[in-house]
Amino acid sequence: MTALSISTMSKPLSMQRGTEMAGTLFVTATPIGNMGDITSRAVSVLESCDIVLAEDSRVSGNLLSRLGIKKPIFSYHKFTEKKFLEQHIEELKSGKNIAIISDAGTPAVSDPGKFLVRAALDENIPVVPVPGASAAVSAFSCCGSIENSFVFAGFLPSKGAERVSECERFLSFGLPVVFYEAPTRIKDLLEMIKEKCSRIVVGRELTKQFEEIFVYTGGEIKEKGEFTIVAEPLKKEEKVAEIDEELIDLIAKSGISAKTACEIAAKVYPELKKNDLKKFFMNK
């Protein structure tokens, strides 16, 4: 990429609009804690856009005030994003440029924005990412995982069977899972996953003054701040080892063959492949 193209891309697409040209929706990342993480491009977009849509207009109003920016700010959160969707699409169609921001991090990633982004794309309205801070990426980069991929779960349902089933679904992919969690539910989450994971790294208050990043090995945890968890599920071979004694005991007491025991075990533990179990017992 040439220096010229870099310079051009550092500015908003903005302001070359004709009477029939739609505006642009800028999906703009803001700091997750440290004000130093705001990008010069994000500042430029916020300065030049016509409207700012904010998860919490008070939080974003404070951000813009610290940046010396005065713009119309409208609340756009999970309770209103569908209600005002058509209005904002019409504003974009009329040529207005809109920057959407969340309280912290990147919009539409466990934050409001996805419905507006989808509708804008469906209407052929330009959607431009303005990258920046992301708690999920920050946590994964500092968790020490040797995997090249991860699964993003975000916030699980707050309680009930749906919470448990969603947690198990994400862990079943066999890749590190990034969870977001509130301080009031962090103990419950760690209790749910600790026996199913080989490694859990806790990120608390990322980029803030009292930031902590540590490997969770059990015990008490400070229930304050915002949590980002990277959980590495047990591999299939580790799961086999985990049920080893139970299956050996089953064979010893019943006198059944290893093949039959494997078939039974496969029904009890559907997450394990029957062929893997068969190889395991045939080698005993």
Protein backbone atom coordinates (compact mmCIF):
# COMPACT_ATOMS: atom_id res chain seq x y z
CA MET A 1 0.00 0.00 0.00
CA THR A 2 1.40 3.41 -0.94
CA ALA A 3 1.77 6.34 1.41
CA LEU A 4 -0.90 8.14 -0.60
CA SER A 5 -3.46 5.37 -0.06
CA ILE A 6 -2.69 5.27 3.66
CA SER A 7 -3.23 9.02 3.91
CA THR A 8 -6.49 8.78 2.01
CA MET A 9 -7.80 5.93 4.16
CA SER A 10 -7.01 7.81 7.36
CA LYS A 11 -9.80 10.29 6.54
CA PRO A 12 -13.54 9.61 6.60
CA LEU A 13 -15.09 8.63 3.27
CA SER A 14 -17.39 11.49 4.03
CA MET A 15 -17.74 14.38 2.41
CA GLN A 16 -17.82 13.77 -1.33
CA ARG A 17 -21.54 13.39 -1.39
CA GLY A 18 -23.88 14.50 -4.10
CA THR A 19 -27.57 15.03 -3.83
CA GLU A 20 -28.29 11.36 -4.42
CA MET A 21 -25.34 9.88 -2.56
CA ALA A 22 -26.00 8.08 0.71
CA GLY A 23 -24.03 8.88 3.79
CA THR A 24 -21.69 6.41 5.49
CA LEU A 25 -22.10 4.39 8.66
CA PHE A 26 -18.81 4.39 10.58
CA VAL A 27 -18.58 1.52 13.11
CA THR A 28 -16.16 3.23 15.45
CA ALA A 29 -14.19 1.57 18.24
CA THR A 30 -13.57 3.51 21.44
CA PRO A 31 -11.21 2.73 24.38
CA ILE A 32 -12.18 -0.07 26.76
CA GLY A 33 -10.53 1.76 29.63
CA ASN A 34 -7.40 3.68 28.71
CA MET A 35 -8.08 6.96 26.88
CA GLY A 36 -4.72 6.62 25.17
CA ASP A 37 -6.20 3.84 23.04
CA ILE A 38 -8.44 6.16 21.03
CA THR A 39 -7.12 6.30 17.47
CA SER A 40 -6.52 9.48 15.52
CA ARG A 41 -8.79 8.07 12.82
CA ALA A 42 -11.63 7.58 15.32
CA VAL A 43 -11.21 11.18 16.48
CA SER A 44 -11.32 12.36 12.85
CA VAL A 45 -14.51 10.40 12.18
CA LEU A 46 -16.22 11.70 15.31
CA GLU A 47 -15.25 15.26 14.43
CA SER A 48 -16.55 15.07 10.88
CA CYS A 49 -19.71 12.94 11.16
CA ASP A 50 -23.19 14.46 11.37
CA ILE A 51 -24.59 12.22 14.10
CA VAL A 52 -23.17 10.03 16.85
CA LEU A 53 -25.19 7.04 17.98
CA ALA A 54 -24.13 5.95 21.45
CA GLU A 55 -24.93 3.01 23.71
CA ASP A 56 -25.15 5.46 26.63
CA SER A 57 -25.24 9.13 25.61
CA ARG A 58 -23.91 10.17 29.03
CA VAL A 59 -20.84 7.94 28.80
CA SER A 60 -20.17 8.93 25.19
CA GLY A 61 -20.91 12.57 25.95
CA ASN A 62 -18.09 12.49 28.47
CA LEU A 63 -15.78 10.88 25.90
CA LEU A 64 -16.54 13.51 23.27
CA SER A 65 -16.15 16.28 25.82
CA ARG A 66 -12.66 15.02 26.73
CA LEU A 67 -11.83 15.02 23.02
CA GLY A 68 -13.19 18.54 22.59
CA ILE A 69 -15.86 17.38 20.13
CA LYS A 70 -19.41 18.71 20.00
CA LYS A 71 -21.86 16.61 18.02
CA PRO A 72 -25.53 15.58 18.27
CA ILE A 73 -25.57 12.36 20.32
CA PHE A 74 -28.53 9.99 20.32
CA SER A 75 -28.97 6.95 22.54
CA TYR A 76 -28.82 3.69 20.62
CA HIS A 77 -28.91 0.71 22.95
CA LYS A 78 -30.44 -2.76 23.00
CA PHE A 79 -33.86 -1.41 23.99
CA THR A 80 -34.05 1.22 21.23
CA GLU A 81 -31.92 -0.04 18.34
CA LYS A 82 -34.85 -1.71 16.56
CA LYS A 83 -37.25 1.13 17.36
CA PHE A 84 -35.14 3.79 15.65
CA LEU A 85 -33.63 1.57 12.97
CA GLU A 86 -35.73 2.89 10.10
CA GLN A 87 -35.15 6.50 11.15
CA HIS A 88 -31.37 6.12 11.08
CA ILE A 89 -31.44 4.28 7.75
CA GLU A 90 -33.40 7.20 6.28
CA GLU A 91 -30.85 9.64 7.72
CA LEU A 92 -28.07 7.69 6.01
CA LYS A 93 -30.00 7.59 2.75
CA SER A 94 -30.41 11.37 2.92
CA GLY A 95 -26.62 11.74 2.93
CA LYS A 96 -25.85 12.07 6.61
CA ASN A 97 -22.74 10.40 8.00
CA ILE A 98 -23.30 8.48 11.23
CA ALA A 99 -20.72 7.21 13.68
CA ILE A 100 -21.93 4.44 15.97
CA ILE A 101 -19.99 3.85 19.18
CA SER A 102 -20.47 1.73 22.30
CA ASP A 103 -19.57 2.55 25.89
CA ALA A 104 -16.27 0.74 25.41
CA GLY A 105 -14.65 -1.23 22.61
CA THR A 106 -16.06 -2.14 19.22
CA PRO A 107 -19.79 -1.77 18.43
CA ALA A 108 -21.82 -4.81 17.34
CA VAL A 109 -19.49 -7.17 19.25
CA SER A 110 -21.61 -8.02 22.32
CA ASP A 111 -22.79 -4.41 22.02
CA PRO A 112 -25.54 -2.63 20.04
CA GLY A 113 -25.03 -1.99 16.35
CA LYS A 114 -25.59 -5.28 14.53
CA PHE A 115 -29.12 -4.48 13.35
CA LEU A 116 -28.13 -1.11 11.94
CA VAL A 117 -25.04 -2.54 10.23
CA ARG A 118 -27.11 -5.32 8.66
CA ALA A 119 -29.82 -2.97 7.47
CA ALA A 120 -27.28 -0.51 6.02
CA LEU A 121 -25.53 -3.27 4.08
CA ASP A 122 -28.88 -4.56 2.80
CA GLU A 123 -29.66 -1.04 1.56
CA ASN A 124 -26.25 -0.71 -0.14
CA ILE A 125 -25.26 2.05 2.27
CA PRO A 126 -21.48 2.22 2.83
CA VAL A 127 -20.40 0.66 6.15
CA VAL A 128 -16.85 1.46 7.22
CA PRO A 129 -15.02 -0.08 10.21
CA VAL A 130 -12.88 2.24 12.30
CA PRO A 131 -10.87 -0.38 14.23
CA GLY A 132 -9.58 0.01 17.74
CA ALA A 133 -9.76 -1.54 21.17
CA SER A 134 -11.46 -4.91 21.68
CA ALA A 135 -11.53 -6.74 25.01
CA ALA A 136 -11.79 -10.13 23.28
CA VAL A 137 -8.70 -9.64 21.11
CA SER A 138 -6.77 -8.00 23.95
CA ALA A 139 -7.48 -10.91 26.28
CA PHE A 140 -6.63 -13.58 23.71
CA SER A 141 -3.35 -11.89 22.83
CA CYS A 142 -2.30 -12.05 26.49
CA CYS A 143 -3.62 -15.49 27.48
CA GLY A 144 -0.63 -17.52 26.29
CA SER A 145 -2.68 -19.92 24.18
CA ILE A 146 -0.76 -21.83 21.53
CA GLU A 147 -3.89 -22.08 19.37
CA ASN A 148 -4.23 -19.87 16.29
CA SER A 149 -8.02 -19.59 16.56
CA PHE A 150 -10.60 -18.91 19.21
CA VAL A 151 -14.38 -18.89 19.64
CA PHE A 152 -16.07 -15.72 20.82
CA ALA A 153 -18.99 -16.33 23.19
CA GLY A 154 -19.40 -12.88 24.68
CA PHE A 155 -22.00 -12.78 27.45
CA LEU A 156 -23.85 -16.00 28.21
CA PRO A 157 -27.53 -15.92 29.24
CA SER A 158 -27.68 -14.75 32.85
CA LYS A 159 -29.17 -17.91 34.36
CA GLY A 160 -31.01 -21.19 33.93
CA ALA A 161 -30.65 -24.15 31.61
CA GLU A 162 -30.01 -21.90 28.62
CA ARG A 163 -26.89 -20.53 30.32
CA VAL A 164 -25.51 -24.03 30.90
CA SER A 165 -26.35 -25.31 27.41
CA GLU A 166 -24.83 -22.26 25.70
CA CYS A 167 -21.66 -22.63 27.75
CA GLU A 168 -21.36 -26.30 26.82
CA ARG A 169 -22.03 -25.52 23.16
CA PHE A 170 -19.15 -23.07 22.94
CA LEU A 171 -16.76 -25.38 24.80
CA SER A 172 -17.70 -28.26 22.48
CA PHE A 173 -15.89 -26.61 19.54
CA GLY A 174 -12.57 -27.64 21.08
CA LEU A 175 -11.01 -24.17 20.72
CA PRO A 176 -10.27 -21.50 23.33
CA VAL A 177 -13.47 -19.62 24.20
CA VAL A 178 -13.60 -15.93 25.08
CA PHE A 179 -16.37 -15.09 27.55
CA TYR A 180 -17.44 -11.70 28.86
CA GLU A 181 -18.89 -11.75 32.35
CA ALA A 182 -20.28 -9.39 34.97
CA PRO A 183 -18.76 -9.38 38.48
CA THR A 184 -22.00 -10.70 39.99
CA ARG A 185 -21.80 -13.86 37.85
CA ILE A 186 -18.07 -14.45 37.53
CA LYS A 187 -17.96 -17.08 40.29
CA ASP A 188 -20.82 -18.98 38.69
CA LEU A 189 -19.08 -18.99 35.30
CA LEU A 190 -15.76 -20.19 36.70
CA GLU A 191 -17.52 -22.91 38.67
CA MET A 192 -19.28 -24.09 35.49
CA ILE A 193 -16.14 -24.33 33.37
CA LYS A 194 -13.31 -25.21 35.75
CA GLU A 195 -13.71 -29.00 35.41
CA LYS A 196 -14.17 -28.78 31.65
CA CYS A 197 -11.08 -26.72 30.86
CA SER A 198 -7.36 -27.40 30.92
CA ARG A 199 -6.50 -23.72 31.31
CA ILE A 200 -8.46 -20.60 32.25
CA VAL A 201 -7.00 -17.11 31.99
CA VAL A 202 -8.86 -14.27 33.68
CA GLY A 203 -8.65 -10.69 32.47
CA ARG A 204 -10.12 -8.19 34.91
CA GLU A 205 -10.45 -4.47 34.20
CA LEU A 206 -8.40 -4.71 30.99
CA THR A 207 -6.41 -1.54 30.17
CA LYS A 208 -7.59 0.17 33.36
CA GLN A 209 -5.67 1.22 36.46
CA PHE A 210 -6.33 -1.99 38.39
CA GLU A 211 -5.93 -4.38 35.46
CA GLU A 212 -5.22 -8.03 36.27
CA ILE A 213 -4.39 -10.93 33.95
CA PHE A 214 -3.78 -14.30 35.58
CA VAL A 215 -4.24 -18.05 35.25
CA TYR A 216 -7.18 -19.18 37.36
CA THR A 217 -6.38 -22.22 39.49
CA GLY A 218 -9.35 -22.09 41.84
CA GLY A 219 -10.02 -20.22 45.04
CA GLU A 220 -11.41 -16.77 45.67
CA ILE A 221 -11.62 -14.10 43.03
CA LYS A 222 -12.23 -10.37 43.38
CA GLU A 223 -15.82 -9.73 42.26
CA LYS A 224 -15.26 -6.21 40.99
CA GLY A 225 -14.88 -4.72 37.53
CA GLU A 226 -15.38 -6.17 34.07
CA PHE A 227 -14.17 -9.68 33.25
CA THR A 228 -12.92 -11.25 30.02
CA ILE A 229 -12.21 -14.97 30.33
CA VAL A 230 -10.24 -17.16 27.94
CA ALA A 231 -11.09 -20.81 28.59
CA GLU A 232 -9.30 -23.68 26.85
CA PRO A 233 -11.54 -26.79 26.89
CA LEU A 234 -10.13 -30.20 27.63
CA LYS A 235 -9.07 -32.07 24.51
CA LYS A 236 -10.81 -35.33 23.62
CA GLU A 237 -7.87 -37.41 24.82
CA GLU A 238 -7.95 -35.55 28.13
CA LYS A 239 -11.66 -36.31 28.44
CA VAL A 240 -11.00 -40.00 27.84
CA ALA A 241 -8.42 -40.00 30.60
CA GLU A 242 -10.93 -38.27 32.84
CA ILE A 243 -13.43 -41.16 32.59
CA ASP A 244 -10.80 -43.89 32.48
CA GLU A 245 -11.39 -45.25 36.01
CA GLU A 246 -15.16 -45.32 35.61
CA LEU A 247 -14.99 -47.34 32.40
CA ILE A 248 -12.34 -49.74 33.69
CA ASP A 249 -14.53 -50.33 36.75
CA LEU A 250 -17.51 -50.99 34.46
CA ILE A 251 -15.57 -53.64 32.54
CA ALA A 252 -14.23 -55.28 35.70
CA LYS A 253 -17.62 -55.62 37.36
CA SER A 254 -19.70 -56.64 34.36
CA GLY A 255 -17.26 -58.86 32.49
CA ILE A 256 -18.33 -57.34 29.18
CA SER A 257 -15.92 -56.92 26.30
CA ALA A 258 -14.01 -53.73 25.66
CA LYS A 259 -16.01 -53.25 22.45
CA THR A 260 -19.33 -53.43 24.29
CA ALA A 261 -18.03 -51.14 27.03
CA CYS A 262 -17.06 -48.60 24.38
CA GLU A 263 -20.54 -48.70 22.88
CA ILE A 264 -22.06 -48.05 26.28
CA ALA A 265 -19.56 -45.29 27.05
CA ALA A 266 -20.33 -43.60 23.73
CA LYS A 267 -23.97 -43.27 24.80
CA VAL A 268 -23.02 -41.93 28.23
CA TYR A 269 -20.45 -39.53 26.76
CA PRO A 270 -21.81 -38.52 23.33
CA GLU A 271 -19.14 -35.83 22.96
CA LEU A 272 -16.52 -38.58 22.55
CA LYS A 273 -16.15 -40.46 19.27
CA LYS A 274 -16.80 -44.19 19.47
CA ASN A 275 -13.68 -44.98 17.40
CA ASP A 276 -11.52 -42.99 19.83
CA LEU A 277 -12.93 -44.93 22.76
CA LYS A 278 -12.45 -48.22 20.94
CA LYS A 279 -8.76 -47.48 20.23
CA PHE A 280 -8.28 -46.47 23.84
CA PHE A 281 -9.62 -49.76 25.24
CA MET A 282 -8.17 -52.01 22.61
CA ASN A 283 -4.76 -50.80 23.74
CA LYS A 284 -5.42 -51.73 27.36
